[in-house]
N, C-alpha and C. Protein backbone atom coordinates (compact mmCIF):
# COMPACT_ATOMS: atom_id res chain seq x y z
N MET A 1 24.58 12.09 275.74
CA MET A 1 25.82 12.48 275.10
C MET A 1 25.62 13.73 274.28
N LYS A 2 26.73 14.37 273.94
CA LYS A 2 26.68 15.56 273.10
C LYS A 2 26.83 15.17 271.63
N SER A 3 26.17 15.93 270.75
CA SER A 3 26.49 15.85 269.33
C SER A 3 27.81 16.57 269.10
N VAL A 4 28.55 16.15 268.07
CA VAL A 4 29.84 16.75 267.78
C VAL A 4 30.00 16.95 266.28
N PHE A 5 30.89 17.88 265.93
CA PHE A 5 31.25 18.15 264.55
C PHE A 5 32.69 17.70 264.36
N VAL A 6 32.92 16.78 263.43
CA VAL A 6 34.27 16.29 263.17
C VAL A 6 34.87 17.05 262.00
N ALA A 7 35.97 17.73 262.26
CA ALA A 7 36.70 18.47 261.23
C ALA A 7 38.08 17.84 261.06
N GLY A 8 38.67 18.06 259.89
CA GLY A 8 40.00 17.53 259.64
C GLY A 8 41.02 18.63 259.48
N THR A 9 42.27 18.32 259.79
CA THR A 9 43.32 19.30 259.58
C THR A 9 43.64 19.47 258.10
N ASP A 10 43.42 18.42 257.32
CA ASP A 10 43.65 18.45 255.87
C ASP A 10 43.06 17.18 255.28
N THR A 11 43.20 17.00 253.97
CA THR A 11 42.71 15.79 253.32
C THR A 11 43.49 14.58 253.83
N ASP A 12 42.79 13.47 253.99
CA ASP A 12 43.40 12.21 254.45
C ASP A 12 43.96 12.32 255.86
N ALA A 13 43.30 13.10 256.70
CA ALA A 13 43.70 13.19 258.10
C ALA A 13 43.01 12.13 258.96
N GLY A 14 42.23 11.25 258.34
CA GLY A 14 41.55 10.21 259.10
C GLY A 14 40.19 10.61 259.62
N LYS A 15 39.60 11.64 259.01
CA LYS A 15 38.36 12.21 259.53
C LYS A 15 37.21 11.20 259.55
N THR A 16 37.06 10.44 258.47
CA THR A 16 35.93 9.51 258.39
C THR A 16 36.11 8.36 259.38
N VAL A 17 37.32 7.87 259.53
CA VAL A 17 37.57 6.80 260.50
C VAL A 17 37.34 7.31 261.92
N VAL A 18 37.79 8.53 262.20
CA VAL A 18 37.53 9.12 263.51
C VAL A 18 36.02 9.26 263.74
N ALA A 19 35.30 9.72 262.72
CA ALA A 19 33.85 9.86 262.85
C ALA A 19 33.19 8.52 263.14
N ALA A 20 33.62 7.48 262.43
CA ALA A 20 33.06 6.14 262.66
C ALA A 20 33.36 5.66 264.08
N ALA A 21 34.57 5.92 264.56
CA ALA A 21 34.92 5.53 265.92
C ALA A 21 34.04 6.25 266.94
N LEU A 22 33.76 7.52 266.69
CA LEU A 22 32.90 8.27 267.61
C LEU A 22 31.47 7.75 267.57
N VAL A 23 30.99 7.37 266.39
CA VAL A 23 29.64 6.78 266.29
C VAL A 23 29.55 5.54 267.16
N LEU A 24 30.58 4.69 267.08
CA LEU A 24 30.59 3.47 267.89
C LEU A 24 30.67 3.78 269.38
N ALA A 25 31.59 4.65 269.74
CA ALA A 25 31.85 4.90 271.16
C ALA A 25 30.73 5.68 271.84
N LEU A 26 30.05 6.53 271.07
CA LEU A 26 29.02 7.39 271.64
C LEU A 26 27.61 6.88 271.38
N GLY A 27 27.47 5.87 270.53
CA GLY A 27 26.14 5.38 270.19
C GLY A 27 25.31 6.40 269.44
N ALA A 28 25.97 7.18 268.59
CA ALA A 28 25.32 8.30 267.91
C ALA A 28 24.92 7.94 266.48
N ARG A 29 24.13 8.81 265.88
CA ARG A 29 23.85 8.74 264.45
C ARG A 29 24.98 9.47 263.71
N TYR A 30 25.07 9.24 262.39
CA TYR A 30 26.12 9.86 261.57
C TYR A 30 25.48 10.66 260.46
N TRP A 31 26.06 11.85 260.23
CA TRP A 31 25.53 12.72 259.16
C TRP A 31 26.68 13.43 258.47
N LYS A 32 26.73 13.29 257.15
CA LYS A 32 27.68 14.02 256.31
C LYS A 32 26.84 14.95 255.44
N PRO A 33 26.66 16.21 255.83
CA PRO A 33 25.73 17.08 255.11
C PRO A 33 26.19 17.43 253.70
N ILE A 34 27.50 17.47 253.45
CA ILE A 34 28.02 17.76 252.12
C ILE A 34 28.98 16.64 251.74
N GLN A 35 28.63 15.92 250.68
CA GLN A 35 29.46 14.80 250.23
C GLN A 35 29.89 15.04 248.79
N SER A 36 31.18 14.95 248.54
CA SER A 36 31.68 15.00 247.17
C SER A 36 32.47 13.72 246.90
N GLY A 37 32.89 13.54 245.65
CA GLY A 37 33.68 12.37 245.29
C GLY A 37 32.89 11.11 245.06
N LEU A 38 31.59 11.22 244.76
CA LEU A 38 30.77 10.02 244.58
C LEU A 38 31.09 9.28 243.29
N ARG A 39 31.75 9.94 242.34
CA ARG A 39 32.14 9.25 241.10
C ARG A 39 33.14 8.14 241.41
N GLU A 40 34.09 8.43 242.28
CA GLU A 40 35.11 7.44 242.64
C GLU A 40 34.63 6.49 243.72
N ALA A 41 33.77 6.95 244.61
CA ALA A 41 33.29 6.13 245.73
C ALA A 41 31.78 6.32 245.85
N PRO A 42 31.00 5.52 245.10
CA PRO A 42 29.55 5.75 245.03
C PRO A 42 28.84 5.79 246.38
N GLY A 43 29.30 5.04 247.36
CA GLY A 43 28.64 5.06 248.66
C GLY A 43 29.05 6.22 249.53
N GLY A 44 30.12 6.90 249.15
CA GLY A 44 30.60 8.04 249.93
C GLY A 44 31.06 7.64 251.32
N ASP A 45 31.35 8.65 252.12
CA ASP A 45 31.78 8.40 253.49
C ASP A 45 30.67 7.77 254.33
N THR A 46 29.43 8.09 253.99
CA THR A 46 28.30 7.47 254.71
C THR A 46 28.34 5.96 254.58
N GLY A 47 28.64 5.48 253.36
CA GLY A 47 28.75 4.04 253.15
C GLY A 47 29.87 3.41 253.95
N VAL A 48 30.99 4.11 254.05
CA VAL A 48 32.13 3.61 254.83
C VAL A 48 31.75 3.50 256.30
N VAL A 49 31.13 4.55 256.84
CA VAL A 49 30.76 4.54 258.26
C VAL A 49 29.69 3.49 258.53
N ALA A 50 28.76 3.33 257.61
CA ALA A 50 27.72 2.30 257.78
C ALA A 50 28.35 0.91 257.84
N ARG A 51 29.31 0.65 256.96
CA ARG A 51 29.97 -0.66 256.95
C ARG A 51 30.75 -0.90 258.23
N LEU A 52 31.42 0.12 258.71
CA LEU A 52 32.29 -0.04 259.88
C LEU A 52 31.53 -0.11 261.19
N THR A 53 30.36 0.50 261.24
CA THR A 53 29.62 0.57 262.50
C THR A 53 28.45 -0.39 262.59
N GLY A 54 27.90 -0.80 261.44
CA GLY A 54 26.77 -1.71 261.45
C GLY A 54 25.49 -1.12 261.99
N ARG A 55 25.39 0.20 262.01
CA ARG A 55 24.19 0.85 262.51
C ARG A 55 23.07 0.74 261.49
N ARG A 56 21.85 0.87 261.97
CA ARG A 56 20.69 0.70 261.08
C ARG A 56 20.60 1.86 260.10
N PRO A 57 19.95 1.67 258.95
CA PRO A 57 19.88 2.73 257.92
C PRO A 57 19.31 4.04 258.44
N GLY A 58 18.38 3.99 259.38
CA GLY A 58 17.79 5.21 259.91
C GLY A 58 18.74 6.07 260.70
N ASP A 59 19.92 5.54 261.01
CA ASP A 59 20.93 6.31 261.75
C ASP A 59 21.84 7.11 260.82
N PHE A 60 21.50 7.16 259.53
CA PHE A 60 22.31 7.87 258.55
C PHE A 60 21.45 8.82 257.73
N PRO A 61 21.13 9.99 258.28
CA PRO A 61 20.37 10.97 257.49
C PRO A 61 21.12 11.27 256.19
N PRO A 62 20.41 11.46 255.09
CA PRO A 62 21.08 11.68 253.81
C PRO A 62 21.76 13.04 253.75
N PRO A 63 22.79 13.17 252.90
CA PRO A 63 23.42 14.47 252.71
C PRO A 63 22.43 15.49 252.16
N VAL A 64 22.66 16.74 252.50
CA VAL A 64 21.90 17.83 251.88
C VAL A 64 22.40 18.06 250.46
N TYR A 65 23.71 17.94 250.29
CA TYR A 65 24.33 18.09 248.98
C TYR A 65 25.24 16.90 248.73
N ALA A 66 25.14 16.33 247.52
CA ALA A 66 25.98 15.21 247.12
C ALA A 66 26.48 15.46 245.70
N PHE A 67 27.79 15.45 245.53
CA PHE A 67 28.40 15.80 244.25
C PHE A 67 29.29 14.65 243.77
N MET A 68 29.42 14.56 242.45
CA MET A 68 30.19 13.47 241.85
C MET A 68 31.69 13.70 241.93
N ALA A 69 32.15 14.92 241.71
CA ALA A 69 33.59 15.19 241.62
C ALA A 69 34.24 15.25 242.99
N ALA A 70 35.47 14.75 243.06
CA ALA A 70 36.26 14.82 244.30
C ALA A 70 36.97 16.16 244.37
N LEU A 71 36.18 17.20 244.63
CA LEU A 71 36.67 18.57 244.69
C LEU A 71 36.13 19.23 245.95
N SER A 72 36.62 20.43 246.25
CA SER A 72 36.03 21.20 247.34
C SER A 72 34.55 21.42 247.04
N PRO A 73 33.72 21.61 248.06
CA PRO A 73 32.29 21.74 247.81
C PRO A 73 31.92 22.81 246.80
N ASP A 74 32.55 23.98 246.86
CA ASP A 74 32.21 25.03 245.91
C ASP A 74 32.56 24.63 244.49
N GLN A 75 33.72 23.99 244.29
CA GLN A 75 34.13 23.57 242.96
C GLN A 75 33.30 22.40 242.45
N ALA A 76 32.98 21.46 243.34
CA ALA A 76 32.15 20.32 242.93
C ALA A 76 30.76 20.78 242.51
N ALA A 77 30.19 21.74 243.25
CA ALA A 77 28.88 22.26 242.88
C ALA A 77 28.95 23.00 241.55
N ALA A 78 29.98 23.80 241.34
CA ALA A 78 30.11 24.55 240.10
C ALA A 78 30.28 23.62 238.91
N GLU A 79 31.00 22.52 239.08
CA GLU A 79 31.20 21.58 237.98
C GLU A 79 29.88 20.99 237.51
N GLU A 80 28.92 20.85 238.42
CA GLU A 80 27.61 20.30 238.06
C GLU A 80 26.59 21.40 237.77
N GLY A 81 27.05 22.65 237.74
CA GLY A 81 26.14 23.76 237.45
C GLY A 81 25.13 24.01 238.55
N LEU A 82 25.51 23.70 239.78
CA LEU A 82 24.59 23.83 240.90
C LEU A 82 25.09 24.90 241.87
N GLY A 83 24.19 25.40 242.67
CA GLY A 83 24.55 26.29 243.77
C GLY A 83 24.60 25.51 245.06
N LEU A 84 25.22 26.08 246.06
CA LEU A 84 25.27 25.47 247.39
C LEU A 84 24.89 26.55 248.39
N ASP A 85 23.76 26.34 249.04
CA ASP A 85 23.25 27.31 250.01
C ASP A 85 23.47 26.74 251.42
N PRO A 86 24.48 27.22 252.16
CA PRO A 86 24.72 26.69 253.50
C PRO A 86 23.52 26.84 254.43
N GLY A 87 22.63 27.78 254.16
CA GLY A 87 21.46 27.97 255.00
C GLY A 87 20.50 26.79 254.98
N ARG A 88 20.62 25.93 253.96
CA ARG A 88 19.76 24.74 253.89
C ARG A 88 20.23 23.62 254.81
N ILE A 89 21.42 23.76 255.36
CA ILE A 89 21.99 22.69 256.17
C ILE A 89 21.53 22.86 257.61
N VAL A 90 20.56 22.06 258.00
CA VAL A 90 19.93 22.14 259.32
C VAL A 90 20.10 20.79 260.00
N LEU A 91 20.46 20.80 261.26
CA LEU A 91 20.74 19.57 261.98
C LEU A 91 19.53 18.64 262.04
N PRO A 92 19.68 17.37 261.68
CA PRO A 92 18.63 16.38 261.95
C PRO A 92 18.58 16.07 263.45
N GLU A 93 17.66 15.19 263.79
CA GLU A 93 17.54 14.77 265.19
C GLU A 93 18.81 14.04 265.63
N GLY A 94 19.28 14.33 266.82
CA GLY A 94 20.50 13.72 267.33
C GLY A 94 20.23 12.62 268.33
N PRO A 95 21.27 12.23 269.07
CA PRO A 95 22.64 12.75 269.00
C PRO A 95 23.34 12.36 267.71
N LEU A 96 24.22 13.24 267.25
CA LEU A 96 24.83 13.12 265.93
C LEU A 96 26.35 13.25 266.00
N VAL A 97 27.01 12.52 265.12
CA VAL A 97 28.38 12.82 264.74
C VAL A 97 28.29 13.40 263.33
N VAL A 98 28.58 14.68 263.21
CA VAL A 98 28.50 15.38 261.92
C VAL A 98 29.91 15.48 261.36
N GLU A 99 30.10 14.99 260.14
CA GLU A 99 31.42 15.05 259.51
C GLU A 99 31.46 16.15 258.46
N GLY A 100 32.42 17.04 258.59
CA GLY A 100 32.62 18.08 257.59
C GLY A 100 33.26 17.53 256.34
N ALA A 101 33.48 18.41 255.36
CA ALA A 101 34.13 18.05 254.10
C ALA A 101 35.44 18.81 254.00
N GLY A 102 36.55 18.08 253.93
CA GLY A 102 37.84 18.74 253.83
C GLY A 102 38.23 19.41 255.13
N GLY A 103 39.09 20.42 255.03
CA GLY A 103 39.56 21.14 256.20
C GLY A 103 38.66 22.28 256.58
N LEU A 104 39.00 22.97 257.64
CA LEU A 104 38.15 24.01 258.20
C LEU A 104 38.00 25.23 257.29
N LEU A 105 38.99 25.52 256.47
CA LEU A 105 38.93 26.72 255.64
C LEU A 105 38.58 26.41 254.19
N VAL A 106 38.00 25.24 253.95
CA VAL A 106 37.52 24.89 252.61
C VAL A 106 36.26 25.70 252.31
N PRO A 107 36.18 26.33 251.12
CA PRO A 107 34.99 27.12 250.78
C PRO A 107 33.78 26.24 250.47
N LEU A 108 32.62 26.72 250.91
CA LEU A 108 31.35 26.07 250.56
C LEU A 108 30.68 26.79 249.40
N ASP A 109 30.81 28.11 249.38
CA ASP A 109 30.28 28.92 248.30
C ASP A 109 31.20 30.12 248.15
N GLY A 110 30.71 31.22 247.61
CA GLY A 110 31.56 32.38 247.38
C GLY A 110 32.11 33.03 248.62
N GLY A 111 31.46 32.83 249.78
CA GLY A 111 31.92 33.54 250.96
C GLY A 111 31.89 32.76 252.26
N THR A 112 31.40 31.52 252.23
CA THR A 112 31.24 30.72 253.44
C THR A 112 32.26 29.60 253.47
N LEU A 113 32.91 29.42 254.61
CA LEU A 113 33.89 28.36 254.78
C LEU A 113 33.30 27.25 255.66
N MET A 114 33.97 26.10 255.65
CA MET A 114 33.51 24.99 256.48
C MET A 114 33.47 25.38 257.96
N ILE A 115 34.41 26.17 258.40
CA ILE A 115 34.42 26.59 259.80
C ILE A 115 33.21 27.46 260.14
N ASP A 116 32.69 28.19 259.14
CA ASP A 116 31.48 28.99 259.36
C ASP A 116 30.27 28.08 259.56
N LEU A 117 30.23 26.98 258.80
CA LEU A 117 29.14 26.02 258.99
C LEU A 117 29.23 25.39 260.38
N ALA A 118 30.44 25.02 260.79
CA ALA A 118 30.60 24.45 262.14
C ALA A 118 30.12 25.42 263.21
N ALA A 119 30.44 26.70 263.03
CA ALA A 119 30.01 27.71 264.00
C ALA A 119 28.49 27.83 264.02
N ARG A 120 27.87 27.81 262.85
CA ARG A 120 26.41 27.97 262.80
C ARG A 120 25.69 26.78 263.41
N LEU A 121 26.23 25.58 263.21
CA LEU A 121 25.60 24.40 263.79
C LEU A 121 25.76 24.35 265.31
N GLY A 122 26.78 25.02 265.82
CA GLY A 122 26.92 25.19 267.27
C GLY A 122 27.34 23.95 268.04
N LEU A 123 28.03 23.04 267.38
CA LEU A 123 28.45 21.80 268.05
C LEU A 123 29.92 21.89 268.45
N PRO A 124 30.31 21.23 269.55
CA PRO A 124 31.74 21.14 269.85
C PRO A 124 32.46 20.39 268.75
N VAL A 125 33.67 20.83 268.46
CA VAL A 125 34.44 20.29 267.34
C VAL A 125 35.46 19.27 267.84
N VAL A 126 35.47 18.12 267.20
CA VAL A 126 36.54 17.14 267.36
C VAL A 126 37.42 17.25 266.13
N LEU A 127 38.69 17.53 266.33
CA LEU A 127 39.62 17.72 265.22
C LEU A 127 40.38 16.43 264.96
N ALA A 128 40.26 15.92 263.73
CA ALA A 128 41.00 14.73 263.31
C ALA A 128 42.33 15.18 262.71
N ALA A 129 43.42 14.62 263.22
CA ALA A 129 44.75 15.05 262.80
C ALA A 129 45.65 13.85 262.57
N ARG A 130 46.61 14.01 261.67
CA ARG A 130 47.64 12.98 261.46
C ARG A 130 48.70 13.10 262.56
N THR A 131 49.49 12.05 262.70
CA THR A 131 50.54 12.07 263.72
C THR A 131 51.90 12.47 263.16
N GLY A 132 52.10 12.31 261.84
CA GLY A 132 53.44 12.39 261.28
C GLY A 132 53.88 13.77 260.86
N LEU A 133 54.88 13.81 259.99
CA LEU A 133 55.50 15.04 259.54
C LEU A 133 54.47 15.99 258.94
N GLY A 134 54.50 17.24 259.37
CA GLY A 134 53.56 18.25 258.89
C GLY A 134 52.39 18.49 259.81
N THR A 135 52.16 17.58 260.76
CA THR A 135 50.97 17.72 261.58
C THR A 135 51.06 18.88 262.57
N LEU A 136 52.27 19.26 262.98
CA LEU A 136 52.37 20.37 263.93
C LEU A 136 51.77 21.64 263.34
N ASN A 137 52.19 21.98 262.14
CA ASN A 137 51.68 23.19 261.49
C ASN A 137 50.19 23.07 261.20
N HIS A 138 49.78 21.97 260.57
CA HIS A 138 48.38 21.81 260.20
C HIS A 138 47.45 21.83 261.41
N THR A 139 47.83 21.10 262.44
CA THR A 139 46.95 20.97 263.61
C THR A 139 46.91 22.25 264.42
N LEU A 140 48.06 22.86 264.65
CA LEU A 140 48.07 24.10 265.44
C LEU A 140 47.38 25.24 264.71
N LEU A 141 47.52 25.31 263.38
CA LEU A 141 46.79 26.34 262.63
C LEU A 141 45.28 26.11 262.72
N SER A 142 44.86 24.84 262.61
CA SER A 142 43.42 24.54 262.70
C SER A 142 42.88 24.90 264.08
N LEU A 143 43.61 24.55 265.13
CA LEU A 143 43.17 24.90 266.48
C LEU A 143 43.15 26.40 266.68
N GLU A 144 44.13 27.10 266.14
CA GLU A 144 44.14 28.56 266.26
C GLU A 144 42.91 29.16 265.59
N ALA A 145 42.54 28.64 264.42
CA ALA A 145 41.36 29.15 263.73
C ALA A 145 40.10 28.92 264.55
N LEU A 146 39.98 27.75 265.16
CA LEU A 146 38.82 27.44 266.00
C LEU A 146 38.77 28.35 267.22
N HIS A 147 39.90 28.50 267.89
CA HIS A 147 39.94 29.34 269.09
C HIS A 147 39.65 30.80 268.75
N ARG A 148 40.18 31.26 267.63
CA ARG A 148 40.01 32.67 267.26
C ARG A 148 38.55 33.00 267.01
N ARG A 149 37.81 32.03 266.49
CA ARG A 149 36.39 32.25 266.23
C ARG A 149 35.51 31.90 267.42
N GLY A 150 36.12 31.44 268.49
CA GLY A 150 35.36 31.13 269.69
C GLY A 150 34.57 29.85 269.63
N LEU A 151 34.96 28.92 268.74
CA LEU A 151 34.24 27.65 268.65
C LEU A 151 34.70 26.72 269.77
N PRO A 152 33.77 25.98 270.38
CA PRO A 152 34.16 25.02 271.41
C PRO A 152 34.91 23.85 270.79
N VAL A 153 36.05 23.50 271.35
CA VAL A 153 36.86 22.39 270.85
C VAL A 153 36.81 21.25 271.86
N ALA A 154 36.18 20.15 271.46
CA ALA A 154 36.08 19.00 272.36
C ALA A 154 37.42 18.29 272.50
N GLY A 155 38.24 18.34 271.46
CA GLY A 155 39.54 17.71 271.56
C GLY A 155 40.05 17.26 270.21
N VAL A 156 41.23 16.64 270.23
CA VAL A 156 41.92 16.17 269.03
C VAL A 156 42.02 14.65 269.09
N VAL A 157 41.70 14.00 267.96
CA VAL A 157 41.95 12.56 267.81
C VAL A 157 42.96 12.40 266.69
N PHE A 158 44.05 11.73 267.00
CA PHE A 158 45.11 11.51 266.01
C PHE A 158 44.89 10.18 265.30
N SER A 159 45.38 10.11 264.06
CA SER A 159 45.38 8.86 263.30
C SER A 159 46.78 8.61 262.78
N GLY A 160 47.24 7.37 262.92
CA GLY A 160 48.55 7.02 262.38
C GLY A 160 49.46 6.41 263.42
N ALA A 161 50.72 6.24 263.02
CA ALA A 161 51.72 5.66 263.91
C ALA A 161 51.97 6.59 265.10
N ASP A 162 52.46 6.01 266.16
CA ASP A 162 52.68 6.78 267.38
C ASP A 162 53.90 7.70 267.22
N HIS A 163 53.67 8.99 267.31
CA HIS A 163 54.73 10.00 267.30
C HIS A 163 54.55 10.85 268.56
N PRO A 164 55.02 10.34 269.70
CA PRO A 164 54.70 11.00 270.98
C PRO A 164 55.17 12.44 271.07
N ARG A 165 56.29 12.78 270.44
CA ARG A 165 56.77 14.16 270.54
C ARG A 165 55.82 15.11 269.83
N ASN A 166 55.31 14.72 268.66
CA ASN A 166 54.34 15.57 267.98
C ASN A 166 53.08 15.73 268.81
N ILE A 167 52.59 14.63 269.36
CA ILE A 167 51.36 14.69 270.16
C ILE A 167 51.58 15.54 271.41
N GLU A 168 52.73 15.39 272.05
CA GLU A 168 53.02 16.19 273.25
C GLU A 168 53.11 17.68 272.92
N THR A 169 53.70 18.01 271.77
CA THR A 169 53.82 19.42 271.37
C THR A 169 52.44 20.03 271.14
N ILE A 170 51.57 19.29 270.46
CA ILE A 170 50.22 19.81 270.20
C ILE A 170 49.44 19.92 271.50
N ALA A 171 49.61 18.97 272.39
CA ALA A 171 48.94 19.05 273.69
C ALA A 171 49.39 20.28 274.47
N ARG A 172 50.66 20.62 274.34
CA ARG A 172 51.22 21.75 275.09
C ARG A 172 50.84 23.10 274.49
N LEU A 173 50.79 23.18 273.16
CA LEU A 173 50.59 24.46 272.49
C LEU A 173 49.19 24.68 271.92
N GLY A 174 48.43 23.60 271.79
CA GLY A 174 47.17 23.70 271.05
C GLY A 174 45.97 24.17 271.85
N GLY A 175 46.04 24.10 273.17
CA GLY A 175 44.91 24.54 273.97
C GLY A 175 43.67 23.69 273.82
N ALA A 176 43.86 22.38 273.58
CA ALA A 176 42.73 21.47 273.42
C ALA A 176 43.09 20.11 274.00
N PRO A 177 42.11 19.39 274.55
CA PRO A 177 42.39 18.05 275.07
C PRO A 177 42.79 17.09 273.96
N ILE A 178 43.61 16.12 274.29
CA ILE A 178 43.94 15.03 273.37
C ILE A 178 43.05 13.85 273.76
N LEU A 179 42.19 13.45 272.83
CA LEU A 179 41.22 12.40 273.13
C LEU A 179 41.77 11.01 272.85
N GLY A 180 42.88 10.93 272.13
CA GLY A 180 43.47 9.63 271.86
C GLY A 180 44.01 9.53 270.45
N ARG A 181 44.45 8.31 270.13
CA ARG A 181 45.03 8.04 268.81
C ARG A 181 44.47 6.74 268.26
N ILE A 182 44.13 6.76 266.98
CA ILE A 182 43.71 5.56 266.27
C ILE A 182 44.86 5.14 265.36
N PRO A 183 45.45 3.98 265.56
CA PRO A 183 46.54 3.55 264.69
C PRO A 183 46.03 3.25 263.28
N TRP A 184 46.95 3.20 262.32
CA TRP A 184 46.53 2.76 260.99
C TRP A 184 46.01 1.33 261.11
N LEU A 185 44.82 1.09 260.62
CA LEU A 185 44.18 -0.21 260.75
C LEU A 185 44.17 -0.89 259.38
N ASP A 186 44.95 -1.95 259.24
CA ASP A 186 45.05 -2.66 257.96
C ASP A 186 45.01 -4.16 258.25
N PRO A 187 43.87 -4.78 257.97
CA PRO A 187 42.69 -4.23 257.28
C PRO A 187 41.82 -3.39 258.22
N LEU A 188 41.07 -2.49 257.61
CA LEU A 188 40.14 -1.65 258.36
C LEU A 188 38.82 -2.40 258.47
N THR A 189 38.64 -3.10 259.57
CA THR A 189 37.45 -3.92 259.79
C THR A 189 36.63 -3.34 260.93
N PRO A 190 35.36 -3.71 261.01
CA PRO A 190 34.54 -3.25 262.14
C PRO A 190 35.15 -3.64 263.48
N GLU A 191 35.72 -4.85 263.56
CA GLU A 191 36.30 -5.31 264.82
C GLU A 191 37.53 -4.48 265.20
N ALA A 192 38.38 -4.19 264.21
CA ALA A 192 39.57 -3.39 264.50
C ALA A 192 39.19 -1.98 264.93
N LEU A 193 38.20 -1.41 264.26
CA LEU A 193 37.79 -0.06 264.61
C LEU A 193 37.16 -0.03 266.00
N ALA A 194 36.36 -1.04 266.32
CA ALA A 194 35.74 -1.07 267.65
C ALA A 194 36.80 -1.12 268.74
N GLY A 195 37.87 -1.87 268.52
CA GLY A 195 38.94 -1.92 269.50
C GLY A 195 39.63 -0.58 269.66
N ALA A 196 39.85 0.12 268.53
CA ALA A 196 40.48 1.43 268.59
C ALA A 196 39.57 2.45 269.26
N ALA A 197 38.28 2.38 268.95
CA ALA A 197 37.32 3.33 269.52
C ALA A 197 37.26 3.19 271.04
N ALA A 198 37.40 1.97 271.53
CA ALA A 198 37.32 1.74 272.97
C ALA A 198 38.48 2.40 273.72
N GLY A 199 39.56 2.71 273.00
CA GLY A 199 40.70 3.33 273.64
C GLY A 199 40.65 4.84 273.71
N LEU A 200 39.63 5.46 273.12
CA LEU A 200 39.52 6.92 273.16
C LEU A 200 38.94 7.39 274.50
N ASP A 201 39.39 8.53 274.96
CA ASP A 201 38.86 9.11 276.20
C ASP A 201 37.78 10.12 275.83
N LEU A 202 36.54 9.67 275.87
CA LEU A 202 35.41 10.50 275.46
C LEU A 202 34.51 10.84 276.64
N SER A 203 35.05 10.81 277.84
CA SER A 203 34.23 11.07 279.02
C SER A 203 33.61 12.46 279.00
N SER A 204 34.31 13.43 278.40
CA SER A 204 33.76 14.79 278.35
C SER A 204 32.59 14.90 277.39
N LEU A 205 32.42 13.89 276.53
CA LEU A 205 31.32 13.90 275.56
C LEU A 205 30.19 12.96 275.97
N GLY A 206 30.31 12.37 277.12
CA GLY A 206 29.29 11.45 277.57
C GLY A 206 29.56 10.02 277.17
N GLY A 207 30.77 9.75 276.65
CA GLY A 207 31.13 8.39 276.29
C GLY A 207 32.04 7.79 277.34
N ARG A 208 32.73 6.72 276.93
CA ARG A 208 33.63 6.03 277.87
C ARG A 208 34.88 6.86 278.11
């Protein structure tokens, strides 16, 4: 299978749930190289994915940077008086599902954006997007940014209630495959996620 980079269209686009679903479906390891918000969620997204997938601890390489504040990486680092050097972020052994922090144009330092990190890592991008109001603009802008920089786009995974017209519009205008949709899962359990993951079309990535 291929390693992939999971990016989000915006905050709360379902990026971590999509990443966990990909870990299950592809049998991959999970890596979040930059983690913020540990004050509110001490285990971070790595803890969430570990709980949902049940993978062994060795399948979760530690973050390169971990910050307490729930802020963009550059702001979280500055709040702790730290620097963030994107050059230190080097891929561990794969296959990997790599989860970014925030959206594609979130700053990492004074001049580097999350999309620049995705480009340097050289992995195909899976874009996590919401299905509801606002997703057309957010998702099409994110896809345009990826295409403009020449990044390979593996596809889009939606999260939320079924909005077929939005999904059809993005499929028609976005220039990227639609890999599927994960409904809101309440409760979000390993069993519910496994069922949703099985419905994704990941054949292009070496999955089901």
